[in-house]
């Protein structure tokens, strides 16, 4: 998915919500939103391009599955953090964000 589409999906999410002060909770909720919103239209806020979502159906399915998987990992990370397992939580975040995510030290 292109960054402009992603940016506008996030803007659409916040059209009806106020952000909290917890980025990890925000991220989790945004990917939950994208999991289903990827199947719909994403209108260009500049009113130039119409629907920005030109992603093929098979790719929309892959994006939705990845969002569902990442949402579950975010939930696991939050749970691990709540019981004091910070190393485990960081490991789960690394599964979501990839190899360049800082390691627990």
C-alpha atoms as a PDB file:
ATOM      1  CA  UNK A   1       0.000   0.000   0.000  1.00  0.00           C
ATOM      2  CA  UNK A   2       1.373   3.407  -0.890  1.00  0.00           C
ATOM      3  CA  UNK A   3       2.144   5.923   1.810  1.00  0.00           C
ATOM      4  CA  UNK A   4      -0.422   8.481   0.577  1.00  0.00           C
ATOM      5  CA  UNK A   5      -3.193   5.900   0.850  1.00  0.00           C
ATOM      6  CA  UNK A   6      -1.977   4.868   4.307  1.00  0.00           C
ATOM      7  CA  UNK A   7      -1.739   8.485   5.466  1.00  0.00           C
ATOM      8  CA  UNK A   8      -5.292   9.180   4.343  1.00  0.00           C
ATOM      9  CA  UNK A   9      -6.623   6.043   5.989  1.00  0.00           C
ATOM     10  CA  UNK A  10      -5.072   7.232   9.247  1.00  0.00           C
ATOM     11  CA  UNK A  11      -6.585  10.685   8.743  1.00  0.00           C
ATOM     12  CA  UNK A  12      -9.963   9.037   8.136  1.00  0.00           C
ATOM     13  CA  UNK A  13      -9.571   7.088  11.380  1.00  0.00           C
ATOM     14  CA  UNK A  14      -8.991  10.291  13.349  1.00  0.00           C
ATOM     15  CA  UNK A  15     -11.902  12.132  11.724  1.00  0.00           C
ATOM     16  CA  UNK A  16     -14.163  10.766  14.445  1.00  0.00           C
ATOM     17  CA  UNK A  17     -11.676  10.103  17.252  1.00  0.00           C
ATOM     18  CA  UNK A  18      -9.344  12.035  19.479  1.00  0.00           C
ATOM     19  CA  UNK A  19      -5.867  10.578  19.980  1.00  0.00           C
ATOM     20  CA  UNK A  20      -4.775   9.427  23.404  1.00  0.00           C
ATOM     21  CA  UNK A  21      -1.355  10.014  24.924  1.00  0.00           C
ATOM     22  CA  UNK A  22      -0.403   6.345  24.475  1.00  0.00           C
ATOM     23  CA  UNK A  23       1.175   5.715  21.039  1.00  0.00           C
ATOM     24  CA  UNK A  24       1.161   1.938  21.484  1.00  0.00           C
ATOM     25  CA  UNK A  25      -2.593   1.918  22.093  1.00  0.00           C
ATOM     26  CA  UNK A  26      -3.131   4.280  19.166  1.00  0.00           C
ATOM     27  CA  UNK A  27      -1.102   2.114  16.817  1.00  0.00           C
ATOM     28  CA  UNK A  28      -3.019  -0.992  17.852  1.00  0.00           C
ATOM     29  CA  UNK A  29      -6.362   0.700  17.195  1.00  0.00           C
ATOM     30  CA  UNK A  30      -5.272   2.199  13.870  1.00  0.00           C
ATOM     31  CA  UNK A  31      -4.214  -1.176  12.479  1.00  0.00           C
ATOM     32  CA  UNK A  32      -7.504  -2.677  13.697  1.00  0.00           C
ATOM     33  CA  UNK A  33      -9.270   0.059  11.703  1.00  0.00           C
ATOM     34  CA  UNK A  34      -7.139  -0.546   8.588  1.00  0.00           C
ATOM     35  CA  UNK A  35      -7.859  -4.287   8.789  1.00  0.00           C
ATOM     36  CA  UNK A  36     -11.411  -3.632   7.575  1.00  0.00           C
ATOM     37  CA  UNK A  37     -11.094  -0.157   6.022  1.00  0.00           C
ATOM     38  CA  UNK A  38      -8.705  -1.493   3.360  1.00  0.00           C
ATOM     39  CA  UNK A  39     -11.738  -3.026   1.642  1.00  0.00           C
ATOM     40  CA  UNK A  40     -13.490   0.314   1.204  1.00  0.00           C
ATOM     41  CA  UNK A  41     -13.030   3.565  -0.639  1.00  0.00           C
ATOM     42  CA  UNK A  42     -10.555   6.139   0.650  1.00  0.00           C
ATOM     43  CA  UNK A  43     -11.523   9.484  -0.789  1.00  0.00           C
ATOM     44  CA  UNK A  44      -8.889  12.031  -1.701  1.00  0.00           C
ATOM     45  CA  UNK A  45      -9.238  14.928   0.768  1.00  0.00           C
ATOM     46  CA  UNK A  46      -7.969  17.304  -1.937  1.00  0.00           C
ATOM     47  CA  UNK A  47     -10.882  16.224  -4.170  1.00  0.00           C
ATOM     48  CA  UNK A  48      -8.511  15.626  -7.089  1.00  0.00           C
ATOM     49  CA  UNK A  49      -8.129  11.858  -7.421  1.00  0.00           C
ATOM     50  CA  UNK A  50     -11.410  10.445  -6.092  1.00  0.00           C
ATOM     51  CA  UNK A  51     -10.933   7.025  -4.496  1.00  0.00           C
ATOM     52  CA  UNK A  52      -7.267   6.593  -3.583  1.00  0.00           C
ATOM     53  CA  UNK A  53      -7.666   2.891  -2.858  1.00  0.00           C
ATOM     54  CA  UNK A  54      -6.529   1.233  -6.083  1.00  0.00           C
ATOM     55  CA  UNK A  55      -5.130  -1.813  -4.263  1.00  0.00           C
ATOM     56  CA  UNK A  56      -6.059  -5.117  -5.917  1.00  0.00           C
ATOM     57  CA  UNK A  57      -8.468  -7.323  -3.959  1.00  0.00           C
ATOM     58  CA  UNK A  58      -5.873 -10.041  -3.335  1.00  0.00           C
ATOM     59  CA  UNK A  59      -3.499  -7.436  -1.891  1.00  0.00           C
ATOM     60  CA  UNK A  60      -6.275  -5.935   0.231  1.00  0.00           C
ATOM     61  CA  UNK A  61      -6.777  -9.399   1.690  1.00  0.00           C
ATOM     62  CA  UNK A  62      -3.045  -9.694   2.464  1.00  0.00           C
ATOM     63  CA  UNK A  63      -3.009  -6.255   4.104  1.00  0.00           C
ATOM     64  CA  UNK A  64      -6.055  -7.142   6.186  1.00  0.00           C
ATOM     65  CA  UNK A  65      -4.466 -10.411   7.333  1.00  0.00           C
ATOM     66  CA  UNK A  66      -1.233  -8.632   8.239  1.00  0.00           C
ATOM     67  CA  UNK A  67      -3.162  -6.028  10.236  1.00  0.00           C
ATOM     68  CA  UNK A  68      -5.019  -8.774  12.115  1.00  0.00           C
ATOM     69  CA  UNK A  69      -1.747 -10.540  12.880  1.00  0.00           C
ATOM     70  CA  UNK A  70      -0.030  -7.341  13.993  1.00  0.00           C
ATOM     71  CA  UNK A  71      -3.035  -6.363  16.117  1.00  0.00           C
ATOM     72  CA  UNK A  72      -2.762  -9.681  17.968  1.00  0.00           C
ATOM     73  CA  UNK A  73       0.983  -9.138  18.496  1.00  0.00           C
ATOM     74  CA  UNK A  74       0.334  -5.625  19.817  1.00  0.00           C
ATOM     75  CA  UNK A  75      -2.212  -7.034  22.252  1.00  0.00           C
ATOM     76  CA  UNK A  76       0.328  -9.647  23.360  1.00  0.00           C
ATOM     77  CA  UNK A  77       2.978  -6.949  23.813  1.00  0.00           C
ATOM     78  CA  UNK A  78       0.617  -4.903  25.992  1.00  0.00           C
ATOM     79  CA  UNK A  79      -0.248  -7.987  28.059  1.00  0.00           C
ATOM     80  CA  UNK A  80       3.420  -8.878  28.543  1.00  0.00           C
ATOM     81  CA  UNK A  81       4.154  -5.313  29.592  1.00  0.00           C
ATOM     82  CA  UNK A  82       1.280  -5.353  32.094  1.00  0.00           C
ATOM     83  CA  UNK A  83       2.820  -8.354  33.886  1.00  0.00           C
ATOM     84  CA  UNK A  84       6.300  -6.827  33.891  1.00  0.00           C
ATOM     85  CA  UNK A  85       7.811  -8.852  31.039  1.00  0.00           C
ATOM     86  CA  UNK A  86       9.362  -5.895  29.227  1.00  0.00           C
ATOM     87  CA  UNK A  87      11.810  -8.034  27.274  1.00  0.00           C
ATOM     88  CA  UNK A  88       8.958 -10.172  25.946  1.00  0.00           C
ATOM     89  CA  UNK A  89       6.930  -7.068  25.115  1.00  0.00           C
ATOM     90  CA  UNK A  90       9.806  -5.515  23.184  1.00  0.00           C
ATOM     91  CA  UNK A  91      10.215  -8.822  21.341  1.00  0.00           C
ATOM     92  CA  UNK A  92       6.560  -8.708  20.248  1.00  0.00           C
ATOM     93  CA  UNK A  93       6.911  -5.104  19.055  1.00  0.00           C
ATOM     94  CA  UNK A  94       9.978  -6.198  17.070  1.00  0.00           C
ATOM     95  CA  UNK A  95       7.847  -8.866  15.381  1.00  0.00           C
ATOM     96  CA  UNK A  96       5.506  -6.089  14.246  1.00  0.00           C
ATOM     97  CA  UNK A  97       8.088  -3.468  13.245  1.00  0.00           C
ATOM     98  CA  UNK A  98      10.917  -5.695  12.005  1.00  0.00           C
ATOM     99  CA  UNK A  99      14.604  -6.211  12.554  1.00  0.00           C
ATOM    100  CA  UNK A 100      15.478  -2.534  12.891  1.00  0.00           C
ATOM    101  CA  UNK A 101      13.283  -2.151  15.990  1.00  0.00           C
ATOM    102  CA  UNK A 102      15.550  -1.595  19.016  1.00  0.00           C
ATOM    103  CA  UNK A 103      16.333  -4.698  21.046  1.00  0.00           C
ATOM    104  CA  UNK A 104      15.708  -4.960  24.769  1.00  0.00           C
ATOM    105  CA  UNK A 105      18.884  -4.157  26.710  1.00  0.00           C
END
